[in-house]
Amino acid sequence: MRGKYICIEGPDGSGKSTLAKSLVQHISELGGQATYRWFPSDNPVGSLIRSGLRGENELSQKAYLYLFCADGLQANKQIEENLANGCHVICDRHPTLSGRVFQPDHHNLEDIENVYSAASEDGILNPDVIFVLDVPPEVSLERMRGRAKYKDVVFESDDLAKVRELQGRYLKLAVRYGATIVSGELPTEELIHFVMRRAGL
């Protein structure tokens, strides 16, 4: 049986990584197969993006727009192999979904849609199920400021107004793609069981 490609979306500090990793562990404990993936990925393209986000090299905003798509396309083969072998892929973000949230700060909407539509036509894999974690901006910001992994990220602002704006974009994205919105403040165990039921696992 083919695995399911499940994407966990939401702003930084919403609990995406914690939920995605916990889902993989839960599925494995039940005797199933699941693997955790994230974007930007750890492949060469994703690593280039991450180094730019850390300020280790200077990438133009236009480069980011295309690199996120390239990162997703580069990951296609491994994800497809996992799914074909019955392994569920639990993904922390998706290049074109998150891209539609963050890129409007740097590009007009028409350019974004043209690039991401082209990536879809080129075969970038889209999730079977999408969940968007909804967390009050104040909570997201507090979590971000308390975690070392955000200290070296220079690409995004941690201003409360910006976090609130990004959260609004994610909620609009959920409506556009029929994603399920769920509170990121729920206990992890409760979130796991909710996602499992909704994804049909």
Protein backbone atom coordinates (compact mmCIF):
# COMPACT_ATOMS: atom_id res chain seq x y z
CA MET A 1 0.00 0.00 0.00
CA ARG A 2 1.31 3.43 -0.95
CA GLY A 3 2.34 5.70 1.90
CA LYS A 4 0.87 9.12 2.51
CA TYR A 5 2.68 12.40 2.09
CA ILE A 6 1.66 14.53 5.08
CA CYS A 7 2.77 18.12 5.45
CA ILE A 8 2.81 20.08 8.71
CA GLU A 9 2.77 23.82 8.08
CA GLY A 10 2.69 26.94 10.22
CA PRO A 11 4.84 29.84 11.38
CA ASP A 12 8.13 29.41 13.20
CA GLY A 13 7.48 28.49 16.79
CA SER A 14 4.14 26.80 16.04
CA GLY A 15 5.40 23.30 16.89
CA LYS A 16 5.79 21.86 13.39
CA SER A 17 9.04 20.00 13.99
CA THR A 18 7.92 18.59 17.34
CA LEU A 19 4.66 17.27 15.89
CA ALA A 20 6.25 15.86 12.72
CA LYS A 21 8.95 13.98 14.63
CA SER A 22 6.44 12.73 17.19
CA LEU A 23 4.20 11.43 14.41
CA VAL A 24 7.07 9.45 12.90
CA GLN A 25 7.87 7.93 16.27
CA HIS A 26 4.21 7.09 16.96
CA ILE A 27 3.70 5.41 13.59
CA SER A 28 6.89 3.39 14.06
CA GLU A 29 5.77 2.27 17.52
CA LEU A 30 2.55 1.00 15.94
CA GLY A 31 4.58 -1.10 13.52
CA GLY A 32 4.23 1.18 10.52
CA GLN A 33 6.83 2.91 8.38
CA ALA A 34 7.34 6.66 8.48
CA THR A 35 10.15 9.07 7.78
CA TYR A 36 10.69 12.71 8.72
CA ARG A 37 11.64 15.29 6.10
CA TRP A 38 11.97 19.04 6.24
CA PHE A 39 12.41 22.02 3.96
CA PRO A 40 14.81 23.60 3.34
CA SER A 41 16.21 20.09 3.13
CA ASP A 42 19.65 18.68 3.84
CA ASN A 43 20.39 18.02 0.17
CA PRO A 44 22.87 20.32 -1.65
CA VAL A 45 20.19 22.78 -2.73
CA GLY A 46 18.60 22.95 0.72
CA SER A 47 22.00 23.33 2.34
CA LEU A 48 22.70 26.33 0.12
CA ILE A 49 19.42 27.91 1.24
CA ARG A 50 20.19 27.25 4.90
CA SER A 51 23.64 28.78 4.63
CA GLY A 52 22.06 31.89 3.12
CA LEU A 53 19.50 32.07 5.92
CA ARG A 54 22.35 31.92 8.43
CA GLY A 55 24.11 34.77 6.66
CA GLU A 56 27.06 32.60 5.64
CA ASN A 57 26.69 33.58 1.99
CA GLU A 58 24.77 36.26 0.17
CA LEU A 59 21.86 35.08 -1.98
CA SER A 60 19.56 37.39 -3.90
CA GLN A 61 15.86 37.33 -3.15
CA LYS A 62 15.22 36.10 -6.70
CA ALA A 63 17.61 33.21 -6.08
CA TYR A 64 15.63 32.17 -3.02
CA LEU A 65 12.42 32.13 -5.07
CA TYR A 66 13.85 29.55 -7.47
CA LEU A 67 15.97 27.65 -4.98
CA PHE A 68 12.98 26.66 -2.85
CA CYS A 69 11.39 25.07 -5.92
CA ALA A 70 14.66 23.37 -6.85
CA ASP A 71 14.93 21.99 -3.32
CA GLY A 72 11.50 20.39 -3.62
CA LEU A 73 12.21 18.96 -7.05
CA GLN A 74 15.54 17.55 -5.85
CA ALA A 75 13.73 15.76 -2.99
CA ASN A 76 11.10 14.25 -5.31
CA LYS A 77 12.88 10.99 -6.04
CA GLN A 78 13.52 9.99 -2.44
CA ILE A 79 10.03 10.98 -1.32
CA GLU A 80 8.44 9.05 -4.18
CA GLU A 81 10.51 5.97 -3.37
CA ASN A 82 9.45 6.14 0.28
CA LEU A 83 5.79 6.45 -0.63
CA ALA A 84 5.93 3.63 -3.19
CA ASN A 85 7.42 1.36 -0.52
CA GLY A 86 4.54 2.04 1.85
CA CYS A 87 6.44 4.50 4.01
CA HIS A 88 4.56 7.60 5.15
CA VAL A 89 6.47 10.85 4.65
CA ILE A 90 5.89 13.42 7.38
CA CYS A 91 7.19 16.74 6.15
CA ASP A 92 8.02 19.86 8.14
CA ARG A 93 6.98 22.49 5.59
CA HIS A 94 6.65 22.26 1.81
CA PRO A 95 8.65 24.53 -0.52
CA THR A 96 5.78 26.03 -2.50
CA LEU A 97 3.33 26.21 0.39
CA SER A 98 5.64 28.07 2.76
CA GLY A 99 7.03 29.96 -0.19
CA ARG A 100 3.62 31.47 -0.84
CA VAL A 101 3.67 32.76 2.74
CA PHE A 102 7.18 34.21 2.92
CA GLN A 103 7.91 35.29 -0.66
CA PRO A 104 5.28 38.08 -0.88
CA ASP A 105 7.64 40.15 1.26
CA HIS A 106 10.10 40.15 -1.63
CA HIS A 107 8.20 39.54 -4.89
CA ASN A 108 4.87 40.39 -6.44
CA LEU A 109 2.20 37.70 -6.33
CA GLU A 110 2.16 37.18 -10.11
CA ASP A 111 5.88 36.31 -10.22
CA ILE A 112 5.49 33.92 -7.28
CA GLU A 113 2.56 32.12 -8.89
CA ASN A 114 4.36 31.85 -12.23
CA VAL A 115 7.43 30.25 -10.66
CA TYR A 116 5.51 27.89 -8.37
CA SER A 117 3.03 26.90 -11.08
CA ALA A 118 5.98 26.01 -13.30
CA ALA A 119 7.43 23.88 -10.49
CA SER A 120 4.11 22.06 -10.16
CA GLU A 121 4.02 21.42 -13.89
CA ASP A 122 7.58 20.07 -13.64
CA GLY A 123 6.33 17.50 -11.14
CA ILE A 124 7.12 18.78 -7.66
CA LEU A 125 5.28 16.42 -5.32
CA ASN A 126 2.37 17.92 -3.45
CA PRO A 127 1.22 16.58 -0.06
CA ASP A 128 -1.78 14.27 0.22
CA VAL A 129 -2.79 15.92 3.49
CA ILE A 130 -1.85 19.34 4.90
CA PHE A 131 -2.16 20.55 8.48
CA VAL A 132 -1.61 24.16 9.51
CA LEU A 133 -0.79 24.75 13.16
CA ASP A 134 -2.51 27.82 14.53
CA VAL A 135 -0.72 29.45 17.45
CA PRO A 136 -1.17 32.98 18.84
CA PRO A 137 1.62 35.18 17.44
CA GLU A 138 2.75 36.07 20.95
CA VAL A 139 3.28 32.39 21.73
CA SER A 140 5.18 31.77 18.49
CA LEU A 141 7.43 34.74 19.15
CA GLU A 142 8.14 33.66 22.71
CA ARG A 143 9.06 30.17 21.55
CA MET A 144 11.32 31.55 18.81
CA ARG A 145 13.18 33.84 21.18
CA GLY A 146 13.71 30.99 23.62
CA ARG A 147 15.27 28.58 21.12
CA ALA A 148 18.86 28.71 19.99
CA LYS A 149 18.06 27.40 16.50
CA TYR A 150 16.50 30.75 15.58
CA LYS A 151 19.41 32.86 16.77
CA ASP A 152 21.37 32.69 13.51
CA VAL A 153 18.47 33.13 11.09
CA VAL A 154 18.73 36.46 9.34
CA PHE A 155 16.05 35.99 6.69
CA GLU A 156 13.01 36.62 8.87
CA SER A 157 12.03 39.32 11.31
CA ASP A 158 10.93 38.41 14.82
CA ASP A 159 8.76 41.51 15.11
CA LEU A 160 5.33 40.69 16.58
CA ALA A 161 3.50 42.49 13.78
CA LYS A 162 5.37 40.43 11.18
CA VAL A 163 4.69 37.14 13.00
CA ARG A 164 0.99 38.08 13.13
CA GLU A 165 1.00 38.87 9.40
CA LEU A 166 2.65 35.56 8.51
CA GLN A 167 0.16 33.68 10.67
CA GLY A 168 -2.67 35.34 8.75
CA ARG A 169 -1.11 34.27 5.46
CA TYR A 170 -0.87 30.68 6.67
CA LEU A 171 -4.55 30.65 7.60
CA LYS A 172 -5.48 31.98 4.15
CA LEU A 173 -3.23 29.32 2.61
CA ALA A 174 -5.10 26.65 4.55
CA VAL A 175 -8.38 27.77 3.03
CA ARG A 176 -6.92 27.83 -0.47
CA TYR A 177 -5.55 24.29 -0.27
CA GLY A 178 -8.20 22.70 1.91
CA ALA A 179 -5.73 22.20 4.75
CA THR A 180 -6.88 21.32 8.23
CA ILE A 181 -6.25 24.06 10.79
CA VAL A 182 -5.51 22.80 14.29
CA SER A 183 -4.37 24.54 17.45
CA GLY A 184 -0.63 24.22 18.01
CA GLU A 185 -1.20 24.75 21.72
CA LEU A 186 -2.83 21.35 22.17
CA PRO A 187 -0.76 18.66 23.93
CA THR A 188 1.46 16.80 21.46
CA GLU A 189 -0.23 13.47 22.17
CA GLU A 190 -3.64 14.96 21.39
CA LEU A 191 -2.31 16.48 18.17
CA ILE A 192 -0.83 13.13 17.13
CA HIS A 193 -4.13 11.30 17.50
CA PHE A 194 -6.01 14.10 15.73
CA VAL A 195 -3.64 14.01 12.75
CA MET A 196 -3.69 10.22 12.62
CA ARG A 197 -7.49 10.16 12.44
CA ARG A 198 -7.79 12.99 9.95
CA ALA A 199 -5.08 11.53 7.68
CA GLY A 200 -6.67 8.09 7.80
CA LEU A 201 -3.66 6.35 9.31
